[in-house]
Amino acid sequence: VARGASHTRMSWHAAWRALVLILLGVFLRSTSRNFTNWTFEDTLTQIGLGYGLLFVLGLRPSRDHWIAFGAILAGYWAAFALWPVPGADFDYAKVGVTKAWLDSHGLTGFAAHWQKNSNLAWAFDTWWMNLFPREKPFLFNGGGYATLSFIPTLGTMILGLIAGNILRSPRDPSGRLRWFALAGAACLLAGAALGWLGLCPVVKRIWTPSWVLMSGGACLWMLGLCHWVIDLRGRRTWAFPLVVIGANSIAAYMIAHLFDAFIAKNLLTHLGAGVFRIGGPGLQPLLHGAATLFVLWLLLYWMWRRKIFLKI
């Protein structure tokens, strides 16, 4: 908008960006397969599915952002709540849910409307996923992830839109910090209350509305803290490693998914497992993971130094 781009041009760009994000997620989910794995739970795909509406909202007044946020969370909650809970004869083993898992992690009472692989989103995917070519019919996702999670994920994205507008607003610094503190606390408390009361369990894998609120509240607090330290206090040097990642966030996500196992294996091959046991066997996974992350960061730093930024 600041450069004078037309609404039509921006809309086409937004549509293209959404499509690329969706296909990048499908690509990542297909790298270990011998065929295109048409699945839509990858983070990039989830963002792409909601990005078009987010773009439209971005050009609307902030009041509409809050209305859309509330409508999405309330509507998604109601859709799950109205979907019937499976009967006592439902065979969970056929949808990849063992009795041991149910005994330790299963949801009971009203919260059972969000039970793994027996909820509204699972039912939708048993129809939607089988519209695409597959080796065998889709019956369930082993992790319980679902396509429809892009709807509450859009709620998370709207919170980011709202937060960005607060940072750009003419409010004085103390007013911005106060907003982040209060909005973060309200979201955290609301999400925790919904889970504690049994009205909506806090489940990350299907991005329940209560999870949107709790995770969003934590992010608002973290953003407010970083705004105070970096923007207002001017303490920026410590954040440089994060800047290198953030400036190439899509590249970082792709590299982490494509090369992490390769790097982790070669660290063991060439340095030996003993190097990572220097602090004892209990710390070996932590040190090995930290070394892998450092190599991934070096790849991003190489791109940073050469001004190579992957943008859509």
Protein backbone atom coordinates (compact mmCIF):
# COMPACT_ATOMS: atom_id res chain seq x y z
CA VAL A 1 0.00 0.00 0.00
CA ALA A 2 2.83 2.40 0.88
CA ARG A 3 4.41 1.82 -2.55
CA GLY A 4 1.12 2.54 -4.29
CA ALA A 5 0.39 -1.03 -5.39
CA SER A 6 -3.14 -1.59 -6.66
CA HIS A 7 -5.61 -3.75 -4.76
CA THR A 8 -5.81 -6.14 -7.71
CA ARG A 9 -2.06 -6.63 -7.84
CA MET A 10 -1.84 -7.20 -4.10
CA SER A 11 -4.72 -9.69 -4.24
CA TRP A 12 -3.03 -11.73 -6.97
CA HIS A 13 0.20 -11.69 -4.96
CA ALA A 14 -1.65 -12.85 -1.85
CA ALA A 15 -3.34 -15.67 -3.81
CA TRP A 16 0.00 -16.75 -5.27
CA ARG A 17 1.67 -16.65 -1.85
CA ALA A 18 -1.11 -18.77 -0.34
CA LEU A 19 -0.84 -21.37 -3.12
CA VAL A 20 2.95 -21.61 -2.83
CA LEU A 21 2.75 -22.05 0.95
CA ILE A 22 0.18 -24.84 0.55
CA LEU A 23 2.29 -26.65 -2.05
CA LEU A 24 5.52 -26.24 -0.06
CA GLY A 25 3.83 -28.01 2.86
CA VAL A 26 2.66 -30.82 0.59
CA PHE A 27 6.19 -31.09 -0.82
CA LEU A 28 7.71 -31.43 2.66
CA ARG A 29 5.20 -34.13 3.59
CA SER A 30 6.07 -36.02 0.41
CA THR A 31 9.87 -36.13 0.67
CA SER A 32 9.91 -39.56 2.32
CA ARG A 33 7.27 -41.02 -0.01
CA ASN A 34 7.31 -42.46 -3.51
CA PHE A 35 4.29 -40.39 -4.46
CA THR A 36 2.77 -36.96 -3.79
CA ASN A 37 1.37 -37.13 -0.29
CA TRP A 38 -1.67 -34.88 -0.46
CA THR A 39 -2.02 -33.93 3.16
CA PHE A 40 -2.72 -30.51 4.62
CA GLU A 41 -1.60 -30.43 8.24
CA ASP A 42 1.91 -29.05 7.67
CA THR A 43 2.49 -25.63 9.21
CA LEU A 44 3.16 -23.96 5.85
CA THR A 45 0.03 -25.50 4.36
CA GLN A 46 -2.06 -24.42 7.32
CA ILE A 47 -0.82 -20.84 6.97
CA GLY A 48 -1.46 -20.90 3.23
CA LEU A 49 -5.03 -22.12 3.64
CA GLY A 50 -5.89 -19.16 5.85
CA TYR A 51 -3.70 -16.51 4.29
CA GLY A 52 -6.22 -15.31 1.72
CA LEU A 53 -8.78 -14.35 4.36
CA LEU A 54 -6.05 -12.84 6.51
CA PHE A 55 -5.05 -10.61 3.58
CA VAL A 56 -8.64 -9.43 3.17
CA LEU A 57 -8.90 -8.71 6.90
CA GLY A 58 -5.60 -6.85 6.80
CA LEU A 59 -7.24 -4.15 4.70
CA ARG A 60 -10.22 -3.85 7.04
CA PRO A 61 -10.58 -1.75 10.23
CA SER A 62 -9.26 -3.26 13.47
CA ARG A 63 -12.82 -3.72 14.71
CA ASP A 64 -13.35 -6.31 11.98
CA HIS A 65 -10.21 -8.14 13.11
CA TRP A 66 -11.68 -8.66 16.57
CA ILE A 67 -15.07 -9.67 15.17
CA ALA A 68 -13.46 -12.25 12.87
CA PHE A 69 -11.26 -13.53 15.71
CA GLY A 70 -14.23 -14.06 18.02
CA ALA A 71 -16.43 -15.54 15.30
CA ILE A 72 -13.75 -18.04 14.26
CA LEU A 73 -13.08 -19.28 17.78
CA ALA A 74 -16.74 -19.40 18.81
CA GLY A 75 -17.89 -20.96 15.55
CA TYR A 76 -15.16 -23.61 15.52
CA TRP A 77 -15.87 -24.46 19.17
CA ALA A 78 -19.61 -24.79 18.44
CA ALA A 79 -19.01 -27.01 15.41
CA PHE A 80 -17.00 -29.48 17.52
CA ALA A 81 -19.41 -29.26 20.44
CA LEU A 82 -22.38 -30.09 18.21
CA TRP A 83 -20.65 -33.02 16.52
CA PRO A 84 -21.82 -36.23 18.26
CA VAL A 85 -19.44 -38.05 20.57
CA PRO A 86 -18.68 -41.62 19.38
CA GLY A 87 -20.76 -44.32 20.98
CA ALA A 88 -19.48 -46.96 23.37
CA ASP A 89 -19.06 -49.38 20.47
CA PHE A 90 -16.72 -47.08 18.49
CA ASP A 91 -13.58 -49.01 17.52
CA TYR A 92 -10.71 -46.67 18.31
CA ALA A 93 -8.14 -49.24 17.23
CA LYS A 94 -9.29 -48.80 13.63
CA VAL A 95 -8.39 -45.10 13.76
CA GLY A 96 -4.97 -45.58 15.35
CA VAL A 97 -5.91 -44.87 18.95
CA THR A 98 -4.85 -47.58 21.39
CA LYS A 99 -6.51 -48.36 24.70
CA ALA A 100 -3.28 -47.43 26.49
CA TRP A 101 -3.34 -44.01 24.82
CA LEU A 102 -6.99 -43.49 25.78
CA ASP A 103 -6.28 -44.49 29.36
CA SER A 104 -3.45 -41.97 29.69
CA HIS A 105 -4.46 -39.15 27.34
CA GLY A 106 -8.10 -39.70 26.43
CA LEU A 107 -10.70 -36.99 26.96
CA THR A 108 -13.87 -37.64 28.92
CA GLY A 109 -17.17 -35.87 29.49
CA PHE A 110 -17.92 -32.85 27.34
CA ALA A 111 -14.26 -32.64 26.31
CA ALA A 112 -14.69 -35.95 24.44
CA HIS A 113 -16.08 -33.92 21.53
CA TRP A 114 -12.40 -33.20 20.78
CA GLN A 115 -11.22 -36.81 21.20
CA LYS A 116 -8.38 -37.89 18.92
CA ASN A 117 -9.46 -39.27 15.53
CA SER A 118 -13.15 -39.28 16.34
CA ASN A 119 -13.99 -35.58 16.20
CA LEU A 120 -15.43 -33.29 13.54
CA ALA A 121 -12.07 -32.53 11.90
CA TRP A 122 -11.25 -36.25 11.63
CA ALA A 123 -14.66 -36.94 10.06
CA PHE A 124 -14.07 -34.15 7.53
CA ASP A 125 -10.69 -35.58 6.57
CA THR A 126 -12.08 -39.07 5.99
CA TRP A 127 -14.04 -37.42 3.16
CA TRP A 128 -11.69 -34.65 2.03
CA MET A 129 -8.41 -36.58 1.97
CA ASN A 130 -9.90 -39.36 -0.11
CA LEU A 131 -10.71 -36.91 -2.90
CA PHE A 132 -7.00 -36.92 -3.75
CA PRO A 133 -4.99 -39.78 -5.30
CA ARG A 134 -3.63 -42.05 -2.58
CA GLU A 135 -1.91 -45.43 -2.25
CA LYS A 136 -4.69 -46.55 0.07
CA PRO A 137 -7.83 -44.92 1.50
CA PHE A 138 -7.25 -42.36 4.23
CA LEU A 139 -8.61 -43.56 7.57
CA PHE A 140 -6.84 -41.38 10.13
CA ASN A 141 -3.77 -39.27 10.84
CA GLY A 142 -1.45 -41.02 13.26
CA GLY A 143 -0.77 -37.83 15.20
CA GLY A 144 -4.38 -36.68 15.20
CA TYR A 145 -3.58 -33.65 13.02
CA ALA A 146 -6.33 -32.36 10.75
CA THR A 147 -6.89 -30.14 7.72
CA LEU A 148 -9.57 -28.04 9.41
CA SER A 149 -7.07 -26.86 12.00
CA PHE A 150 -6.29 -24.07 9.55
CA ILE A 151 -9.46 -22.35 10.78
CA PRO A 152 -8.35 -21.80 14.40
CA THR A 153 -4.79 -21.31 13.08
CA LEU A 154 -6.24 -18.33 11.24
CA GLY A 155 -7.32 -17.08 14.66
CA THR A 156 -3.67 -17.18 15.73
CA MET A 157 -2.70 -15.32 12.55
CA ILE A 158 -5.33 -12.65 13.26
CA LEU A 159 -3.82 -12.14 16.71
CA GLY A 160 -0.52 -11.51 14.93
CA LEU A 161 -2.23 -9.01 12.64
CA ILE A 162 -3.72 -7.21 15.64
CA ALA A 163 -0.36 -7.20 17.46
CA GLY A 164 1.40 -5.80 14.39
CA ASN A 165 -1.10 -2.96 14.19
CA ILE A 166 -0.50 -2.18 17.87
CA LEU A 167 3.25 -1.92 17.21
CA ARG A 168 2.58 0.47 14.31
CA SER A 169 -0.02 2.51 16.18
CA PRO A 170 0.63 6.06 17.44
CA ARG A 171 0.21 4.89 21.06
CA ASP A 172 2.94 5.96 23.45
CA PRO A 173 5.44 3.22 24.43
CA SER A 174 3.91 2.64 27.84
CA GLY A 175 0.48 2.27 26.25
CA ARG A 176 1.76 -0.39 23.86
CA LEU A 177 3.46 -2.32 26.63
CA ARG A 178 0.35 -2.11 28.79
CA TRP A 179 -1.76 -3.43 25.89
CA PHE A 180 0.53 -6.43 25.39
CA ALA A 181 0.56 -7.19 29.11
CA LEU A 182 -3.21 -6.99 29.53
CA ALA A 183 -4.15 -8.69 26.24
CA GLY A 184 -1.67 -11.49 26.91
CA ALA A 185 -3.02 -12.03 30.41
CA ALA A 186 -6.63 -12.01 29.19
CA CYS A 187 -5.89 -14.61 26.50
CA LEU A 188 -3.93 -16.84 28.87
CA LEU A 189 -6.60 -16.74 31.56
CA ALA A 190 -9.46 -17.29 29.10
CA GLY A 191 -7.75 -20.27 27.48
CA ALA A 192 -6.81 -21.83 30.82
CA ALA A 193 -10.35 -21.30 32.16
CA LEU A 194 -11.93 -23.01 29.13
CA GLY A 195 -9.67 -26.01 29.64
CA TRP A 196 -10.06 -26.15 33.41
CA LEU A 197 -13.85 -25.94 33.19
CA GLY A 198 -13.91 -28.75 30.64
CA LEU A 199 -15.58 -26.56 28.03
CA CYS A 200 -12.73 -26.79 25.52
CA PRO A 201 -9.58 -28.86 26.12
CA VAL A 202 -6.23 -27.23 25.47
CA VAL A 203 -4.89 -29.37 22.61
CA LYS A 204 -2.13 -28.10 20.34
CA ARG A 205 -2.35 -30.83 17.68
CA ILE A 206 -5.85 -29.85 16.59
CA TRP A 207 -5.36 -26.19 17.58
CA THR A 208 -8.40 -25.95 19.81
CA PRO A 209 -9.77 -22.44 20.51
CA SER A 210 -8.48 -22.65 24.07
CA TRP A 211 -5.00 -23.42 22.70
CA VAL A 212 -5.27 -20.40 20.37
CA LEU A 213 -5.93 -18.21 23.40
CA MET A 214 -3.25 -19.70 25.66
CA SER A 215 -0.49 -19.83 23.06
CA GLY A 216 -1.53 -16.43 21.74
CA GLY A 217 -1.36 -14.94 25.20
CA ALA A 218 2.15 -16.30 25.73
CA CYS A 219 3.22 -14.91 22.35
CA LEU A 220 1.77 -11.49 23.13
CA TRP A 221 3.76 -11.39 26.36
CA MET A 222 6.95 -12.46 24.56
CA LEU A 223 6.39 -9.90 21.81
CA GLY A 224 5.77 -7.17 24.35
CA LEU A 225 8.95 -8.11 26.21
CA CYS A 226 11.02 -8.11 23.01
CA HIS A 227 9.48 -4.77 21.99
CA TRP A 228 10.56 -3.28 25.31
CA VAL A 229 14.08 -4.72 25.26
CA ILE A 230 14.90 -4.28 21.55
CA ASP A 231 12.85 -1.31 20.35
CA LEU A 232 12.53 0.81 23.47
CA ARG A 233 15.72 -0.02 25.38
CA GLY A 234 17.84 -0.42 22.23
CA ARG A 235 19.41 -3.71 23.40
CA ARG A 236 19.64 -5.39 19.99
CA THR A 237 23.02 -7.13 19.77
CA TRP A 238 21.92 -10.24 21.68
CA ALA A 239 19.05 -10.81 19.22
CA PHE A 240 21.25 -11.09 16.11
CA PRO A 241 21.06 -14.94 15.95
CA LEU A 242 17.27 -14.63 15.97
CA VAL A 243 17.35 -11.94 13.29
CA VAL A 244 19.29 -14.28 10.98
CA ILE A 245 16.53 -16.87 11.37
CA GLY A 246 13.62 -14.45 11.19
CA ALA A 247 14.89 -12.74 8.05
CA ASN A 248 14.73 -16.10 6.28
CA SER A 249 11.91 -17.80 8.14
CA ILE A 250 10.62 -19.88 5.22
CA ALA A 251 14.15 -20.97 4.31
CA ALA A 252 14.76 -21.84 7.98
CA TYR A 253 11.64 -24.00 8.09
CA MET A 254 12.52 -25.78 4.84
CA ILE A 255 16.15 -26.38 5.83
CA ALA A 256 15.14 -27.73 9.23
CA HIS A 257 12.79 -30.25 7.65
CA LEU A 258 15.01 -31.24 4.74
CA PHE A 259 18.49 -31.37 6.28
CA ASP A 260 18.19 -31.85 10.04
CA ALA A 261 18.41 -35.67 9.97
CA PHE A 262 21.30 -35.53 7.47
CA ILE A 263 23.25 -33.08 9.63
CA ALA A 264 22.51 -34.96 12.86
CA LYS A 265 23.72 -38.23 11.35
CA ASN A 266 26.93 -36.72 9.97
CA LEU A 267 27.77 -35.04 13.25
CA LEU A 268 27.77 -38.49 14.85
CA THR A 269 29.68 -40.01 11.94
CA HIS A 270 32.52 -37.49 11.92
CA LEU A 271 32.69 -36.37 15.55
CA GLY A 272 31.52 -39.53 17.29
CA ALA A 273 28.88 -39.93 19.94
CA GLY A 274 31.44 -39.46 22.70
CA VAL A 275 31.76 -35.74 21.99
CA PHE A 276 28.13 -35.22 22.94
CA ARG A 277 28.47 -37.31 26.14
CA ILE A 278 30.92 -34.87 27.65
CA GLY A 279 28.25 -33.78 30.13
CA GLY A 280 26.98 -37.31 30.76
CA PRO A 281 24.55 -39.54 28.84
CA GLY A 282 21.56 -37.56 30.04
CA LEU A 283 22.76 -34.43 28.24
CA GLN A 284 23.77 -36.21 25.03
CA PRO A 285 20.46 -35.59 23.16
CA LEU A 286 20.52 -31.92 24.19
CA LEU A 287 24.11 -31.32 23.05
CA HIS A 288 23.59 -33.29 19.83
CA GLY A 289 20.45 -31.30 19.08
CA ALA A 290 22.18 -28.00 19.89
CA ALA A 291 25.04 -28.86 17.54
CA THR A 292 22.57 -29.74 14.78
CA LEU A 293 20.74 -26.45 15.33
CA PHE A 294 24.04 -24.55 15.18
CA VAL A 295 24.91 -26.07 11.79
CA LEU A 296 21.44 -25.17 10.51
CA TRP A 297 21.99 -21.63 11.76
CA LEU A 298 25.36 -21.45 9.97
CA LEU A 299 23.58 -22.25 6.69
CA LEU A 300 21.18 -19.36 7.33
CA TYR A 301 24.07 -17.10 8.33
CA TRP A 302 25.80 -17.93 5.02
CA MET A 303 22.60 -16.85 3.24
CA TRP A 304 22.41 -13.71 5.40
CA ARG A 305 25.98 -12.67 4.55
CA ARG A 306 25.27 -13.05 0.83
CA LYS A 307 21.90 -11.29 1.03
CA ILE A 308 20.04 -14.42 -0.09
CA PHE A 309 16.48 -14.25 1.24
CA LEU A 310 13.76 -16.69 0.26
CA LYS A 311 10.59 -14.66 -0.19
CA ILE A 312 7.22 -15.48 -1.70
